[in-house]
Amino acid sequence: MSDKLLAVKDLKIGATVYPPGEKPHDIEIVHGVSFELEKGKVLGLIGESGAGKSTIGLASMAYGRGGVKITGGEVWVNGRDILQTGLGDIRALRGGEVTYVSQSAAASFNPAKQIMEQVTEAAILQGKFSRKESEARAIELFRKLGLPDPENIGSRYPHQVSGGQLQRCMTALALCPEPDLVVFDEPTTALDVTTQIDVLMAIKEAIRDTGVAALYITHDLAVVAQVSDDILVLKMGDMVEYGPVDQIINNPQEEYTQALVSVRSISHEEKEPTSEPVLTVQNITARYKGTNFDVLKNINVELHPGQTLAVVGESGSGKSTLARVITGLLPQTVGRVNFAGRDLSPDLPGRDMEDLRELQMIYQMADVAMNPRQTVGTIIGRPLELYFGLKGEAKHKRIVELLDEIEMGVEFIDRYPAELSGGQKQRVCIARALAAKPKLIICDEVTSALDPLVADGILKLLLDLQKVEDVAYLFITHDLATVKAIADSIAVMYQGEVVRYGGKTDVLSPPFDDYTDLLLSSVPEMKLGWLEEVIANRKMESAGN
């Protein structure tokens, strides 16, 4: 075992759970996982939420978060079992030999400290380099990672750079001490596709140039295929399949891996409009209070009953801001929103109960969209009381019907949000929106925080419900695979403007404007060497210009 940089043997990890009304008890969450990693290689850890990916990645630093404990097995790093070493050795290991890149750079950086101070901190504390040497190394990493103004970006604070830039700064932070191993924990999941590909390129080139080994944790098989040499597929703490990336992608042996490879198999034919629009957004321009900058500029789109309009674009393009205008949370400065044949008041207080009932929203983060102290029945029942005055047996009967519609059943009626999976929480939010019998539901990134298999289930559910209820969806997303799966029409937004708009077939067919072309070419494909092709093509285009 000791001849590998990282060797994990029969790793077992446990945790203490505290069920409501029951005594706390210990459970095992990782069941005897084993793998090896050589210097300069990348191992992808893939699986759904709760599979144990991050738990295993952190175990390579002899760390268990949130009360998680390593209960058995061995973790060898550079020839020693780190589970048997003292605290001093562990402190030297973390931030020295092994470093970590988290999913959310914004939540990981200290907002009160400049970026350079944080990027160089571990290298200085570990005694790897002097402050001057660490800063010089950080600047070189900023340059290698494609950050703008590498000599000066370190003097900025985290809020003064974009999300993609901050994620690359965190990669520089992890590489600055010259570690032997970096644990990348979902480093691009929260990014839009155009930013994601830049960060992926930067990470892959940094791994190649520095010779560092890496664990790359993700639930996106198309992404991990671009950066990994081997892949370990996990499910509920068990090893499902382990092998070279080519075998896992092109010849998976296990049923679960095959399902991951074939995800997004939804087929949705574009429907032609059959009636007057339920929503017409006409010449909408908007700005936030206290500013003189237009965040939306002359937006024109329409949506018909029983159809889905996908609003797509990178972060900051104005997608969610458009939703705020439609819902009355941000009054427009110019233009009008016509809904169900009537002009809506620009601001929320001016709208009546019928306006509120017929226009519902489903949010990205189901966790924070529900009251944790209310049961599923209470959450779904609230709109039934508010809009229809249902009580007692009539309300209970309708709640049960809605639970059946979202394929959960009456056994969930008394459960609390904490007792549900991520997909189940999102289904409850869908049921709550449907309870109002709306004509339009705005779905704001409703699958972006979910695993691919769970997200597929949510998309299929939404399409099935649309056929039954004839409800229209305005679907905000940066995921082009989702757009292809569910949309009838598409509006591509960039810097507050709609740059391409029309039926799905027309929008996704060439010739493309420059931004739509960039957006479509940035969607990771389940194909080996895809990232290298994209990098080569962009270098050729850049040289040609």
Protein backbone atom coordinates (compact mmCIF):
# COMPACT_ATOMS: atom_id res chain seq x y z
CA MET A 1 0.00 0.00 0.00
CA SER A 2 2.80 2.40 0.84
CA ASP A 3 4.14 2.77 -2.74
CA LYS A 4 1.07 4.85 -3.75
CA LEU A 5 0.57 8.53 -2.98
CA LEU A 6 -2.89 7.73 -1.58
CA ALA A 7 -4.11 4.24 -0.69
CA VAL A 8 -7.44 3.70 1.00
CA LYS A 9 -8.19 0.19 2.27
CA ASP A 10 -11.54 -1.05 3.63
CA LEU A 11 -12.53 2.45 4.81
CA LYS A 12 -15.54 2.53 7.11
CA ILE A 13 -17.14 5.75 8.35
CA GLY A 14 -19.96 6.16 10.84
CA ALA A 15 -22.15 8.86 12.35
CA THR A 16 -24.58 9.33 15.20
CA VAL A 17 -28.17 10.11 14.19
CA TYR A 18 -30.86 11.69 16.33
CA PRO A 19 -34.30 10.57 15.04
CA PRO A 20 -37.28 12.56 16.39
CA GLY A 21 -38.73 10.77 19.40
CA GLU A 22 -36.06 8.08 19.42
CA LYS A 23 -32.76 7.51 21.19
CA PRO A 24 -29.59 8.59 19.32
CA HIS A 25 -27.83 5.67 17.67
CA ASP A 26 -24.80 5.04 15.47
CA ILE A 27 -25.03 4.12 11.80
CA GLU A 28 -22.42 3.26 9.17
CA ILE A 29 -22.45 5.57 6.15
CA VAL A 30 -19.38 4.30 4.23
CA HIS A 31 -19.02 0.53 3.98
CA GLY A 32 -15.51 -0.77 3.32
CA VAL A 33 -14.35 1.38 0.38
CA SER A 34 -10.88 0.74 -1.13
CA PHE A 35 -8.94 2.53 -3.91
CA GLU A 36 -5.46 3.79 -4.84
CA LEU A 37 -4.12 6.97 -6.42
CA GLU A 38 -0.70 7.55 -7.99
CA LYS A 39 1.18 10.84 -8.27
CA GLY A 40 0.01 13.01 -11.13
CA LYS A 41 -3.26 11.07 -11.56
CA VAL A 42 -6.87 12.11 -11.03
CA LEU A 43 -9.54 9.84 -9.51
CA GLY A 44 -13.16 10.88 -9.97
CA LEU A 45 -15.58 10.09 -7.13
CA ILE A 46 -19.12 10.11 -8.49
CA GLY A 47 -22.55 9.32 -7.10
CA GLU A 48 -25.78 10.89 -5.88
CA SER A 49 -26.12 13.02 -2.72
CA GLY A 50 -25.52 10.88 0.35
CA ALA A 51 -23.32 8.43 -1.56
CA GLY A 52 -20.33 9.33 0.65
CA LYS A 53 -18.22 11.20 -1.91
CA SER A 54 -17.29 14.23 0.21
CA THR A 55 -17.03 12.09 3.35
CA ILE A 56 -14.44 9.87 1.65
CA GLY A 57 -12.60 12.88 0.20
CA LEU A 58 -12.29 14.48 3.64
CA ALA A 59 -11.15 11.13 5.10
CA SER A 60 -8.03 11.49 2.93
CA MET A 61 -7.20 14.36 5.30
CA ALA A 62 -8.16 12.26 8.36
CA TYR A 63 -11.14 14.56 8.85
CA GLY A 64 -14.78 13.86 9.61
CA ARG A 65 -17.16 16.81 9.61
CA GLY A 66 -20.42 17.21 11.47
CA GLY A 67 -19.80 14.43 13.96
CA VAL A 68 -18.79 11.90 11.30
CA LYS A 69 -16.16 9.43 12.55
CA ILE A 70 -13.74 7.13 10.73
CA THR A 71 -14.51 3.79 12.34
CA GLY A 72 -12.31 1.35 10.42
CA GLY A 73 -9.81 0.78 7.64
CA GLU A 74 -6.60 2.49 6.59
CA VAL A 75 -5.74 5.74 4.80
CA TRP A 76 -2.14 5.81 3.59
CA VAL A 77 -0.62 9.11 2.38
CA ASN A 78 3.02 9.15 1.26
CA GLY A 79 3.78 5.82 2.89
CA ARG A 80 2.12 6.22 6.30
CA ASP A 81 -1.30 5.45 7.69
CA ILE A 82 -2.54 8.90 8.69
CA LEU A 83 -5.25 7.40 10.89
CA GLN A 84 -2.50 6.13 13.21
CA THR A 85 -0.42 9.32 13.42
CA GLY A 86 -0.52 12.10 16.01
CA LEU A 87 -2.20 15.49 15.93
CA GLY A 88 1.04 17.28 14.97
CA ASP A 89 1.42 15.12 11.86
CA ILE A 90 -2.22 15.70 10.91
CA ARG A 91 -1.75 19.47 11.17
CA ALA A 92 1.27 19.25 8.87
CA LEU A 93 -0.72 17.07 6.47
CA ARG A 94 -3.69 19.43 6.10
CA GLY A 95 -2.78 22.46 4.04
CA GLY A 96 0.64 20.97 3.34
CA GLU A 97 0.55 17.54 1.73
CA VAL A 98 -3.23 17.52 1.15
CA THR A 99 -5.41 20.54 0.37
CA TYR A 100 -9.12 21.03 -0.31
CA VAL A 101 -11.27 23.00 -2.78
CA SER A 102 -14.91 23.29 -1.69
CA GLN A 103 -18.05 23.66 -3.81
CA SER A 104 -18.81 27.20 -2.67
CA ALA A 105 -15.83 29.54 -2.79
CA ALA A 106 -18.07 32.43 -1.75
CA ALA A 107 -18.89 30.67 1.53
CA SER A 108 -15.29 29.56 2.11
CA PHE A 109 -13.40 32.84 1.74
CA ASN A 110 -13.30 35.36 4.59
CA PRO A 111 -15.10 38.46 3.23
CA ALA A 112 -13.04 40.76 5.49
CA LYS A 113 -9.63 39.69 4.13
CA GLN A 114 -8.00 40.32 0.78
CA ILE A 115 -7.70 37.36 -1.59
CA MET A 116 -3.87 37.32 -1.57
CA GLU A 117 -3.72 37.03 2.23
CA GLN A 118 -6.00 33.99 2.13
CA VAL A 119 -4.35 32.30 -0.86
CA THR A 120 -0.88 32.46 0.71
CA GLU A 121 -1.88 31.71 4.32
CA ALA A 122 -1.42 27.91 4.28
CA ALA A 123 1.90 28.04 2.43
CA ILE A 124 3.28 30.51 4.99
CA LEU A 125 1.87 28.74 8.07
CA GLN A 126 3.19 25.39 6.88
CA GLY A 127 6.65 26.91 6.41
CA LYS A 128 6.72 25.95 2.74
CA PHE A 129 7.58 29.46 1.51
CA SER A 130 8.25 32.93 2.85
CA ARG A 131 5.56 35.58 2.40
CA LYS A 132 7.39 37.05 -0.60
CA GLU A 133 7.85 33.63 -2.19
CA SER A 134 4.22 32.69 -1.50
CA GLU A 135 2.93 35.88 -3.11
CA ALA A 136 5.11 35.36 -6.16
CA ARG A 137 3.84 31.79 -6.43
CA ALA A 138 0.22 32.98 -6.03
CA ILE A 139 0.63 35.49 -8.86
CA GLU A 140 2.05 32.76 -11.10
CA LEU A 141 -0.91 30.53 -10.25
CA PHE A 142 -3.34 33.38 -10.94
CA ARG A 143 -1.75 33.70 -14.37
CA LYS A 144 -1.82 29.94 -15.00
CA LEU A 145 -5.48 29.77 -13.99
CA GLY A 146 -6.43 32.50 -16.46
CA LEU A 147 -7.42 35.15 -13.92
CA PRO A 148 -7.49 38.77 -15.11
CA ASP A 149 -4.76 41.17 -13.93
CA PRO A 150 -2.86 38.43 -12.02
CA GLU A 151 -0.46 40.94 -10.44
CA ASN A 152 -3.27 42.88 -8.74
CA ILE A 153 -6.29 40.60 -8.35
CA GLY A 154 -4.95 39.43 -4.98
CA SER A 155 -5.50 42.91 -3.54
CA ARG A 156 -9.26 42.60 -4.08
CA TYR A 157 -11.77 41.27 -1.58
CA PRO A 158 -13.87 38.17 -2.42
CA HIS A 159 -17.00 40.18 -3.24
CA GLN A 160 -15.06 42.17 -5.84
CA VAL A 161 -14.58 39.21 -8.23
CA SER A 162 -17.05 36.94 -10.04
CA GLY A 163 -18.06 33.49 -8.85
CA GLY A 164 -15.94 31.76 -11.49
CA GLN A 165 -12.92 33.93 -10.68
CA LEU A 166 -13.31 33.22 -6.95
CA GLN A 167 -13.48 29.47 -7.63
CA ARG A 168 -10.16 29.74 -9.50
CA CYS A 169 -8.71 31.76 -6.62
CA MET A 170 -9.64 28.86 -4.34
CA THR A 171 -7.83 26.47 -6.70
CA ALA A 172 -4.78 28.76 -6.44
CA LEU A 173 -5.13 28.65 -2.64
CA ALA A 174 -5.07 24.83 -2.75
CA LEU A 175 -2.05 24.69 -5.10
CA CYS A 176 0.02 27.42 -3.46
CA PRO A 177 1.64 25.20 -0.75
CA GLU A 178 2.73 22.69 -3.47
CA PRO A 179 0.65 19.83 -2.07
CA ASP A 180 0.89 16.24 -3.23
CA LEU A 181 -2.89 15.78 -3.30
CA VAL A 182 -5.83 18.16 -3.87
CA VAL A 183 -9.43 17.19 -3.04
CA PHE A 184 -11.78 19.01 -5.43
CA ASP A 185 -15.30 18.83 -3.93
CA GLU A 186 -17.89 19.76 -6.60
CA PRO A 187 -15.78 22.79 -7.69
CA THR A 188 -17.93 23.68 -10.73
CA THR A 189 -21.45 22.48 -9.75
CA ALA A 190 -22.72 25.95 -8.79
CA LEU A 191 -21.34 27.63 -11.94
CA ASP A 192 -23.07 28.27 -15.25
CA VAL A 193 -21.74 26.35 -18.25
CA THR A 194 -19.62 29.13 -19.77
CA THR A 195 -17.90 29.79 -16.43
CA GLN A 196 -17.69 26.06 -15.67
CA ILE A 197 -15.70 25.28 -18.79
CA ASP A 198 -13.18 28.04 -18.00
CA VAL A 199 -12.71 26.68 -14.48
CA LEU A 200 -12.48 23.09 -15.77
CA MET A 201 -9.81 24.11 -18.28
CA ALA A 202 -7.90 25.95 -15.57
CA ILE A 203 -8.08 23.01 -13.14
CA LYS A 204 -7.00 20.44 -15.73
CA GLU A 205 -4.07 22.55 -16.93
CA ALA A 206 -3.01 23.31 -13.34
CA ILE A 207 -3.03 19.59 -12.47
CA ARG A 208 -0.98 18.82 -15.58
CA ASP A 209 1.53 21.63 -15.03
CA THR A 210 2.08 21.02 -11.30
CA GLY A 211 1.99 17.21 -11.36
CA VAL A 212 -0.31 17.14 -8.32
CA ALA A 213 -2.66 14.20 -7.79
CA ALA A 214 -6.35 14.89 -7.27
CA LEU A 215 -9.62 13.46 -6.05
CA TYR A 216 -12.38 15.06 -8.13
CA ILE A 217 -15.80 14.78 -6.46
CA THR A 218 -18.94 15.43 -8.52
CA HIS A 219 -22.34 14.04 -9.51
CA ASP A 220 -21.82 15.04 -13.17
CA LEU A 221 -20.32 12.15 -15.12
CA ALA A 222 -19.78 14.30 -18.24
CA VAL A 223 -17.59 16.69 -16.18
CA VAL A 224 -15.58 14.03 -14.37
CA ALA A 225 -14.91 12.27 -17.69
CA GLN A 226 -12.93 15.32 -18.85
CA VAL A 227 -10.49 15.48 -15.93
CA SER A 228 -10.14 11.95 -14.52
CA ASP A 229 -7.91 8.97 -15.25
CA ASP A 230 -10.06 6.57 -13.19
CA ILE A 231 -13.58 6.76 -11.76
CA LEU A 232 -15.05 5.28 -8.58
CA VAL A 233 -18.86 5.11 -8.62
CA LEU A 234 -20.51 5.22 -5.19
CA LYS A 235 -24.07 4.65 -3.98
CA MET A 236 -25.18 4.96 -0.35
CA GLY A 237 -21.66 4.39 0.95
CA ASP A 238 -20.94 1.32 -1.20
CA MET A 239 -18.54 0.90 -4.12
CA VAL A 240 -20.62 0.22 -7.24
CA GLU A 241 -17.93 0.26 -9.94
CA TYR A 242 -14.26 1.24 -10.13
CA GLY A 243 -12.07 1.42 -13.22
CA PRO A 244 -10.47 3.51 -16.01
CA VAL A 245 -12.53 6.42 -17.27
CA ASP A 246 -12.90 4.87 -20.75
CA GLN A 247 -14.45 1.71 -19.33
CA ILE A 248 -16.84 3.56 -16.99
CA ILE A 249 -18.05 5.91 -19.74
CA ASN A 250 -18.15 3.58 -22.73
CA ASN A 251 -18.68 0.14 -21.21
CA PRO A 252 -20.21 0.41 -17.72
CA GLN A 253 -20.89 -2.96 -16.12
CA GLU A 254 -23.30 -2.10 -13.32
CA GLU A 255 -26.95 -1.07 -13.74
CA TYR A 256 -26.54 2.06 -11.58
CA THR A 257 -23.54 3.26 -13.62
CA GLN A 258 -25.46 2.61 -16.84
CA ALA A 259 -28.29 4.78 -15.50
CA LEU A 260 -25.83 7.61 -14.75
CA VAL A 261 -24.34 7.37 -18.25
CA SER A 262 -27.75 7.46 -19.93
CA VAL A 263 -29.20 10.24 -17.77
CA ARG A 264 -31.22 12.99 -19.48
CA SER A 265 -32.94 10.54 -21.76
CA ILE A 266 -36.15 12.61 -21.66
CA SER A 267 -37.62 13.25 -25.09
CA HIS A 268 -39.96 16.23 -25.44
CA GLU A 269 -41.30 17.30 -28.80
CA GLU A 270 -41.78 21.04 -29.28
CA LYS A 271 -45.52 21.93 -29.23
CA GLU A 272 -47.12 24.55 -31.43
CA PRO A 273 -49.20 27.27 -29.68
CA THR A 274 -52.93 26.46 -29.74
CA SER A 275 -54.38 29.51 -27.97
CA GLU A 276 -53.72 33.08 -26.89
CA PRO A 277 -50.61 33.63 -24.69
CA VAL A 278 -51.07 33.26 -20.95
CA LEU A 279 -48.08 35.59 -20.44
CA THR A 280 -46.85 38.47 -22.59
CA VAL A 281 -43.79 40.46 -21.51
CA GLN A 282 -43.64 43.59 -23.64
CA ASN A 283 -40.77 46.08 -23.86
CA ILE A 284 -39.73 45.46 -20.23
CA THR A 285 -36.86 47.57 -18.90
CA ALA A 286 -36.00 47.50 -15.19
CA ARG A 287 -33.41 48.72 -12.71
CA TYR A 288 -32.85 48.18 -9.01
CA LYS A 289 -33.84 50.93 -6.59
CA GLY A 290 -31.13 53.52 -6.01
CA THR A 291 -29.21 52.69 -9.21
CA ASN A 292 -29.16 54.28 -12.66
CA PHE A 293 -28.21 51.08 -14.48
CA ASP A 294 -30.76 49.03 -16.43
CA VAL A 295 -30.53 45.34 -15.45
CA LEU A 296 -33.19 44.40 -18.00
CA LYS A 297 -33.32 46.08 -21.41
CA ASN A 298 -36.38 45.95 -23.69
CA ILE A 299 -37.39 42.33 -23.00
CA ASN A 300 -40.11 40.81 -25.20
CA VAL A 301 -41.27 37.20 -24.73
CA GLU A 302 -44.56 35.30 -24.58
CA LEU A 303 -45.73 31.97 -23.20
CA HIS A 304 -48.77 29.89 -24.14
CA PRO A 305 -50.91 27.58 -21.94
CA GLY A 306 -49.50 24.07 -21.52
CA GLN A 307 -46.09 25.10 -22.86
CA THR A 308 -42.62 25.69 -21.42
CA LEU A 309 -40.47 28.75 -22.08
CA ALA A 310 -36.87 28.16 -21.00
CA VAL A 311 -34.96 31.31 -20.05
CA VAL A 312 -31.28 30.49 -20.29
CA GLY A 313 -28.01 32.36 -19.82
CA GLU A 314 -25.01 32.70 -17.56
CA SER A 315 -25.11 34.04 -14.01
CA GLY A 316 -25.89 37.76 -14.00
CA SER A 317 -27.63 37.68 -17.39
CA GLY A 318 -30.96 38.76 -15.88
CA LYS A 319 -32.93 35.48 -15.77
CA SER A 320 -34.07 35.65 -12.15
CA THR A 321 -34.48 39.44 -12.40
CA LEU A 322 -37.03 38.88 -15.18
CA ALA A 323 -38.89 36.52 -12.82
CA ARG A 324 -38.87 39.23 -10.14
CA VAL A 325 -40.50 41.68 -12.57
CA ILE A 326 -43.16 39.16 -13.62
CA THR A 327 -44.01 38.38 -9.97
CA GLY A 328 -44.13 42.07 -8.97
CA LEU A 329 -41.08 41.95 -6.69
CA LEU A 330 -39.22 44.42 -8.94
CA PRO A 331 -41.44 47.01 -10.68
CA GLN A 332 -40.39 47.72 -14.25
CA THR A 333 -39.47 51.24 -15.34
CA VAL A 334 -40.77 50.71 -18.90
CA GLY A 335 -43.12 48.18 -20.50
CA ARG A 336 -45.96 45.93 -19.35
CA VAL A 337 -46.64 42.37 -18.17
CA ASN A 338 -49.92 40.93 -19.46
CA PHE A 339 -51.08 37.78 -17.70
CA ALA A 340 -54.23 35.76 -18.47
CA GLY A 341 -55.59 38.64 -20.55
CA ARG A 342 -55.02 41.43 -18.02
CA ASP A 343 -52.16 43.85 -17.34
CA LEU A 344 -50.54 43.13 -13.99
CA SER A 345 -49.74 45.87 -11.52
CA PRO A 346 -45.96 46.52 -11.62
CA ASP A 347 -45.64 46.09 -7.85
CA LEU A 348 -46.85 43.23 -5.66
CA PRO A 349 -49.16 45.24 -3.32
CA GLY A 350 -51.19 46.33 -6.34
CA ARG A 351 -52.08 42.77 -7.32
CA ASP A 352 -55.22 40.99 -6.17
CA MET A 353 -55.61 37.48 -4.74
CA GLU A 354 -56.44 35.99 -8.13
CA ASP A 355 -53.19 37.38 -9.61
CA LEU A 356 -51.25 35.77 -6.78
CA ARG A 357 -53.05 32.43 -7.05
CA GLU A 358 -52.67 31.98 -10.79
CA LEU A 359 -48.95 32.81 -10.84
CA GLN A 360 -46.85 30.54 -8.61
CA MET A 361 -43.11 29.93 -8.09
CA ILE A 362 -40.90 26.93 -7.35
CA TYR A 363 -37.49 27.90 -6.02
CA GLN A 364 -33.99 26.51 -6.53
CA MET A 365 -33.30 25.63 -2.89
CA ALA A 366 -36.19 23.60 -1.50
CA ASP A 367 -34.39 23.50 1.87
CA VAL A 368 -34.94 27.22 2.47
CA ALA A 369 -38.29 27.43 0.66
CA MET A 370 -40.15 25.44 3.34
CA ASN A 371 -40.72 26.10 7.03
CA PRO A 372 -38.73 23.35 8.83
CA ARG A 373 -41.25 23.37 11.70
CA GLN A 374 -44.22 22.56 9.48
CA THR A 375 -45.24 19.12 8.27
CA VAL A 376 -45.67 18.26 4.60
CA GLY A 377 -49.43 18.36 5.06
CA THR A 378 -49.33 21.84 6.56
CA ILE A 379 -47.04 23.14 3.80
CA ILE A 380 -49.23 21.82 0.98
CA GLY A 381 -52.47 22.70 2.79
CA ARG A 382 -51.70 26.38 3.29
CA PRO A 383 -52.59 27.46 -0.31
CA LEU A 384 -55.77 25.34 -0.11
CA GLU A 385 -56.93 27.40 2.88
CA LEU A 386 -55.67 30.73 1.58
CA TYR A 387 -57.14 30.59 -1.93
CA PHE A 388 -60.08 28.19 -1.63
CA GLY A 389 -61.00 28.22 2.07
CA LEU A 390 -60.71 24.41 2.32
CA LYS A 391 -60.69 22.96 5.82
CA GLY A 392 -61.04 19.64 7.60
CA GLU A 393 -61.78 16.55 5.54
CA ALA A 394 -62.01 18.44 2.23
CA LYS A 395 -58.52 19.89 2.72
CA HIS A 396 -57.08 16.53 3.82
CA LYS A 397 -58.55 14.80 0.76
CA ARG A 398 -57.03 17.37 -1.60
CA ILE A 399 -53.60 17.12 0.13
CA VAL A 400 -53.68 13.34 -0.38
CA GLU A 401 -54.57 13.85 -4.06
CA LEU A 402 -51.63 16.23 -4.50
CA LEU A 403 -49.25 13.82 -2.76
CA ASP A 404 -50.39 11.13 -5.19
CA GLU A 405 -49.83 13.50 -8.12
CA ILE A 406 -46.21 14.06 -7.08
CA GLU A 407 -45.77 10.28 -6.58
CA MET A 408 -45.11 10.40 -2.84
CA GLY A 409 -48.29 9.14 -1.12
CA VAL A 410 -50.20 9.76 2.11
CA GLU A 411 -47.44 8.28 4.31
CA PHE A 412 -45.49 11.54 3.89
CA ILE A 413 -48.25 13.82 5.16
CA ASP A 414 -46.94 14.07 8.75
CA ARG A 415 -43.22 14.22 7.94
CA TYR A 416 -41.06 17.30 8.36
CA PRO A 417 -38.71 18.67 5.66
CA ALA A 418 -35.66 17.32 7.55
CA GLU A 419 -37.05 13.81 7.06
CA LEU A 420 -37.12 14.13 3.25
CA SER A 421 -34.49 13.70 0.54
CA GLY A 422 -33.60 16.60 -1.76
CA GLY A 423 -35.82 15.28 -4.54
CA GLN A 424 -38.74 14.72 -2.16
CA LYS A 425 -38.44 18.28 -0.84
CA GLN A 426 -38.62 19.65 -4.36
CA ARG A 427 -41.68 17.49 -5.08
CA VAL A 428 -43.42 18.97 -2.02
CA CYS A 429 -42.66 22.47 -3.35
CA ILE A 430 -44.20 21.44 -6.68
CA ALA A 431 -47.32 20.17 -4.88
CA ARG A 432 -47.59 23.44 -2.95
CA ALA A 433 -47.51 25.40 -6.22
CA LEU A 434 -50.08 23.08 -7.85
CA ALA A 435 -52.39 23.42 -4.83
CA ALA A 436 -53.22 26.96 -5.98
CA LYS A 437 -54.36 25.66 -9.42
CA PRO A 438 -52.12 28.18 -11.22
CA LYS A 439 -52.05 29.02 -14.89
CA LEU A 440 -48.29 29.71 -14.79
CA ILE A 441 -45.48 28.36 -12.61
CA ILE A 442 -42.06 30.03 -12.63
CA CYS A 443 -39.43 27.34 -12.02
CA ASP A 444 -36.21 29.05 -10.91
CA GLU A 445 -33.29 26.61 -11.31
CA VAL A 446 -35.41 23.88 -9.68
CA THR A 447 -33.09 21.00 -10.64
CA SER A 448 -29.64 22.64 -10.44
CA ALA A 449 -29.05 21.54 -6.83
CA LEU A 450 -30.16 17.94 -7.49
CA ASP A 451 -28.30 14.84 -8.64
CA PRO A 452 -28.81 13.90 -12.32
CA LEU A 453 -31.04 10.89 -11.63
CA VAL A 454 -33.17 12.83 -9.11
CA ALA A 455 -33.33 15.84 -11.45
CA ASP A 456 -34.53 13.58 -14.26
CA GLY A 457 -37.35 12.37 -12.04
CA ILE A 458 -38.38 15.96 -11.26
CA LEU A 459 -38.36 16.95 -14.94
CA LYS A 460 -40.46 13.92 -15.92
CA LEU A 461 -42.90 14.76 -13.12
CA LEU A 462 -43.23 18.38 -14.29
CA LEU A 463 -43.88 17.28 -17.88
CA ASP A 464 -46.49 14.72 -16.77
CA LEU A 465 -48.23 17.31 -14.56
CA GLN A 466 -48.21 19.81 -17.43
CA LYS A 467 -50.17 17.38 -19.61
CA VAL A 468 -52.80 16.88 -16.89
CA GLU A 469 -53.09 20.46 -15.58
CA ASP A 470 -52.34 22.38 -18.82
CA VAL A 471 -50.12 24.67 -16.73
CA ALA A 472 -47.46 26.82 -18.40
CA TYR A 473 -43.86 26.84 -17.12
CA LEU A 474 -41.35 29.66 -17.30
CA PHE A 475 -38.22 27.58 -16.63
CA ILE A 476 -35.11 29.49 -15.59
CA THR A 477 -31.92 27.49 -15.95
CA HIS A 478 -28.30 27.51 -17.10
CA ASP A 479 -28.41 23.80 -17.93
CA LEU A 480 -28.73 23.28 -21.68
CA ALA A 481 -29.44 19.56 -21.22
CA THR A 482 -32.53 20.51 -19.21
CA VAL A 483 -33.57 23.01 -21.89
CA LYS A 484 -33.37 20.37 -24.62
CA ALA A 485 -35.38 17.97 -22.46
CA ILE A 486 -38.38 20.14 -21.57
CA ALA A 487 -38.62 23.39 -23.57
CA ASP A 488 -41.04 24.38 -26.31
CA SER A 489 -39.49 27.83 -26.75
CA ILE A 490 -36.23 29.40 -25.56
CA ALA A 491 -35.08 32.91 -24.67
CA VAL A 492 -31.30 33.28 -24.43
CA MET A 493 -30.30 36.18 -22.17
CA TYR A 494 -26.98 38.01 -21.98
CA GLN A 495 -26.23 41.13 -19.94
CA GLY A 496 -29.91 41.95 -19.41
CA GLU A 497 -31.01 41.47 -23.01
CA VAL A 498 -32.67 38.66 -24.97
CA VAL A 499 -30.12 37.87 -27.70
CA ARG A 500 -31.97 34.91 -29.24
CA TYR A 501 -35.62 33.90 -28.96
CA GLY A 502 -38.01 31.48 -30.62
CA GLY A 503 -39.08 27.85 -30.81
CA LYS A 504 -36.65 25.26 -29.42
CA THR A 505 -35.79 23.85 -32.84
CA ASP A 506 -35.02 27.29 -34.31
CA VAL A 507 -32.99 28.53 -31.33
CA LEU A 508 -30.87 25.36 -31.17
CA SER A 509 -30.24 25.28 -34.93
CA PRO A 510 -27.44 27.24 -36.68
CA PRO A 511 -26.51 29.86 -37.64
CA PHE A 512 -25.90 31.10 -34.09
CA ASP A 513 -25.02 34.48 -32.68
CA ASP A 514 -21.65 34.53 -30.89
CA TYR A 515 -23.04 34.17 -27.36
CA THR A 516 -25.49 31.33 -28.12
CA ASP A 517 -22.69 29.53 -29.96
CA LEU A 518 -20.44 29.91 -26.89
CA LEU A 519 -23.25 28.71 -24.59
CA LEU A 520 -24.03 25.60 -26.64
CA SER A 521 -20.38 24.68 -27.15
CA SER A 522 -19.74 24.89 -23.40
CA VAL A 523 -22.14 22.08 -22.41
CA PRO A 524 -19.96 19.12 -21.33
CA GLU A 525 -20.44 16.03 -23.47
CA MET A 526 -20.13 12.43 -22.33
CA LYS A 527 -17.15 11.96 -24.62
CA LEU A 528 -13.49 11.42 -23.83
CA GLY A 529 -11.27 14.25 -25.07
CA TRP A 530 -14.18 16.69 -25.43
CA LEU A 531 -12.52 19.33 -23.23
CA GLU A 532 -9.28 19.14 -25.23
CA GLU A 533 -11.27 19.60 -28.47
CA VAL A 534 -12.99 22.68 -27.07
CA ILE A 535 -9.68 24.15 -25.85
CA ALA A 536 -8.05 23.51 -29.24
CA ASN A 537 -10.99 25.01 -31.17
CA ARG A 538 -11.02 28.16 -29.03
CA LYS A 539 -7.27 28.60 -29.42
CA MET A 540 -7.67 28.32 -33.21
CA GLU A 541 -10.54 30.84 -33.18
CA SER A 542 -8.50 33.19 -31.01
CA ALA A 543 -5.50 32.92 -33.34
CA GLY A 544 -7.74 33.54 -36.35
CA ASN A 545 -9.10 36.72 -34.79
